[in-house]
Structures are given as C-alpha cells and as structure tokens.
Amino acid sequence: MAVMEDQREIAYVESVARGWTMEDGEDLSAMRRALREVRARALPMNMSMDLIRRTAEERWSS
C-alpha cells in the first residue's frame, strides 16, 4: 500500500498470472485489515530468521 504524491492511497497486488492496483475504498479497507492480521500473527524478525535457518538445515543439509 502506498500514498501517492496527490495523497491518493493505492495498493498493488500481485499473483502468479498478473499484478494490479486497487484504489477502491472498500478494497483498501479490506487490504488494511488483512495486513493487520498478518502482522499480528507474524513472528518477531529474530524468531523468523531462526525458523528459516533451522528449516533450511533440516530439509536441505546433507
């Protein structure tokens, strides 16, 4: 999500097939709610890095 120079708020969404921008107020509200939920469930950065390292070592180390 971004605020443009003219103060319009937009969001960019990308999928495997394409990307698109959203400017509709209801869509942006839904995006804000979804991002808040993801942030609330995310691990702190140091715990995320540790999990990634451990997973890589367990799955891809010889």
C-alpha atoms as a PDB file:
ATOM      1  CA  MET A   1       0.000   0.000   0.000  1.00  0.00           C
ATOM      2  CA  ALA A   2       1.213   3.484  -0.764  1.00  0.00           C
ATOM      3  CA  VAL A   3       0.174   7.111  -0.600  1.00  0.00           C
ATOM      4  CA  MET A   4       0.743   8.870  -3.900  1.00  0.00           C
ATOM      5  CA  GLU A   5       2.008  12.438  -4.279  1.00  0.00           C
ATOM      6  CA  ASP A   6      -1.577  13.655  -4.728  1.00  0.00           C
ATOM      7  CA  GLN A   7      -2.438  11.878  -1.399  1.00  0.00           C
ATOM      8  CA  ARG A   8      -4.449   9.094  -3.058  1.00  0.00           C
ATOM      9  CA  GLU A   9      -3.959   5.753  -1.372  1.00  0.00           C
ATOM     10  CA  ILE A  10      -3.404   2.720  -3.587  1.00  0.00           C
ATOM     11  CA  ALA A  11      -2.449  -0.909  -3.138  1.00  0.00           C
ATOM     12  CA  TYR A  12      -0.566  -3.168  -5.527  1.00  0.00           C
ATOM     13  CA  VAL A  13      -1.472  -6.849  -5.538  1.00  0.00           C
ATOM     14  CA  GLU A  14       0.438  -9.499  -7.431  1.00  0.00           C
ATOM     15  CA  SER A  15      -0.440 -13.059  -8.342  1.00  0.00           C
ATOM     16  CA  VAL A  16       1.198 -15.716 -10.486  1.00  0.00           C
ATOM     17  CA  ALA A  17      -0.799 -14.561 -13.506  1.00  0.00           C
ATOM     18  CA  ARG A  18      -0.654 -10.761 -13.137  1.00  0.00           C
ATOM     19  CA  GLY A  19      -0.457  -7.720 -10.897  1.00  0.00           C
ATOM     20  CA  TRP A  20      -2.977  -4.942 -10.433  1.00  0.00           C
ATOM     21  CA  THR A  21      -3.567  -1.785  -8.445  1.00  0.00           C
ATOM     22  CA  MET A  22      -6.542  -1.143  -6.202  1.00  0.00           C
ATOM     23  CA  GLU A  23      -7.947   2.269  -5.389  1.00  0.00           C
ATOM     24  CA  ASP A  24     -11.486   1.476  -4.228  1.00  0.00           C
ATOM     25  CA  GLY A  25     -12.036   2.477  -0.599  1.00  0.00           C
ATOM     26  CA  GLU A  26     -13.681  -0.818   0.381  1.00  0.00           C
ATOM     27  CA  ASP A  27     -10.876  -2.817  -1.246  1.00  0.00           C
ATOM     28  CA  LEU A  28      -8.258  -0.735   0.543  1.00  0.00           C
ATOM     29  CA  SER A  29     -10.036  -1.213   3.876  1.00  0.00           C
ATOM     30  CA  ALA A  30     -10.069  -4.975   3.324  1.00  0.00           C
ATOM     31  CA  MET A  31      -6.353  -4.864   2.451  1.00  0.00           C
ATOM     32  CA  ARG A  32      -5.563  -2.896   5.631  1.00  0.00           C
ATOM     33  CA  ARG A  33      -7.478  -5.433   7.741  1.00  0.00           C
ATOM     34  CA  ALA A  34      -5.677  -8.341   6.085  1.00  0.00           C
ATOM     35  CA  LEU A  35      -2.261  -6.727   6.584  1.00  0.00           C
ATOM     36  CA  ARG A  36      -3.032  -6.037  10.259  1.00  0.00           C
ATOM     37  CA  GLU A  37      -3.973  -9.695  10.711  1.00  0.00           C
ATOM     38  CA  VAL A  38      -0.766 -10.902   9.051  1.00  0.00           C
ATOM     39  CA  ARG A  39       1.337  -8.556  11.202  1.00  0.00           C
ATOM     40  CA  ALA A  40      -0.438  -9.717  14.353  1.00  0.00           C
ATOM     41  CA  ARG A  41       0.323 -13.376  13.550  1.00  0.00           C
ATOM     42  CA  ALA A  42       3.898 -12.888  12.341  1.00  0.00           C
ATOM     43  CA  LEU A  43       6.843 -13.959  14.432  1.00  0.00           C
ATOM     44  CA  PRO A  44       9.344 -11.319  15.529  1.00  0.00           C
ATOM     45  CA  MET A  45      12.149 -10.940  12.989  1.00  0.00           C
ATOM     46  CA  ASN A  46      14.768 -12.809  15.008  1.00  0.00           C
ATOM     47  CA  MET A  47      12.415 -15.762  15.544  1.00  0.00           C
ATOM     48  CA  SER A  48      11.507 -15.802  11.837  1.00  0.00           C
ATOM     49  CA  MET A  49      15.170 -15.865  10.849  1.00  0.00           C
ATOM     50  CA  ASP A  50      15.856 -18.692  13.300  1.00  0.00           C
ATOM     51  CA  LEU A  51      12.920 -20.713  11.976  1.00  0.00           C
ATOM     52  CA  ILE A  52      14.072 -20.230   8.374  1.00  0.00           C
ATOM     53  CA  ARG A  53      17.639 -21.278   9.243  1.00  0.00           C
ATOM     54  CA  ARG A  54      16.525 -24.357  11.174  1.00  0.00           C
ATOM     55  CA  THR A  55      14.107 -25.409   8.447  1.00  0.00           C
ATOM     56  CA  ALA A  56      16.746 -24.997   5.753  1.00  0.00           C
ATOM     57  CA  GLU A  57      19.263 -27.003   7.763  1.00  0.00           C
ATOM     58  CA  GLU A  58      16.757 -29.777   8.468  1.00  0.00           C
ATOM     59  CA  ARG A  59      15.468 -30.080   4.926  1.00  0.00           C
ATOM     60  CA  TRP A  60      18.388 -29.187   2.674  1.00  0.00           C
ATOM     61  CA  SER A  61      21.588 -30.027   4.538  1.00  0.00           C
ATOM     62  CA  SER A  62      23.476 -33.152   3.528  1.00  0.00           C
END
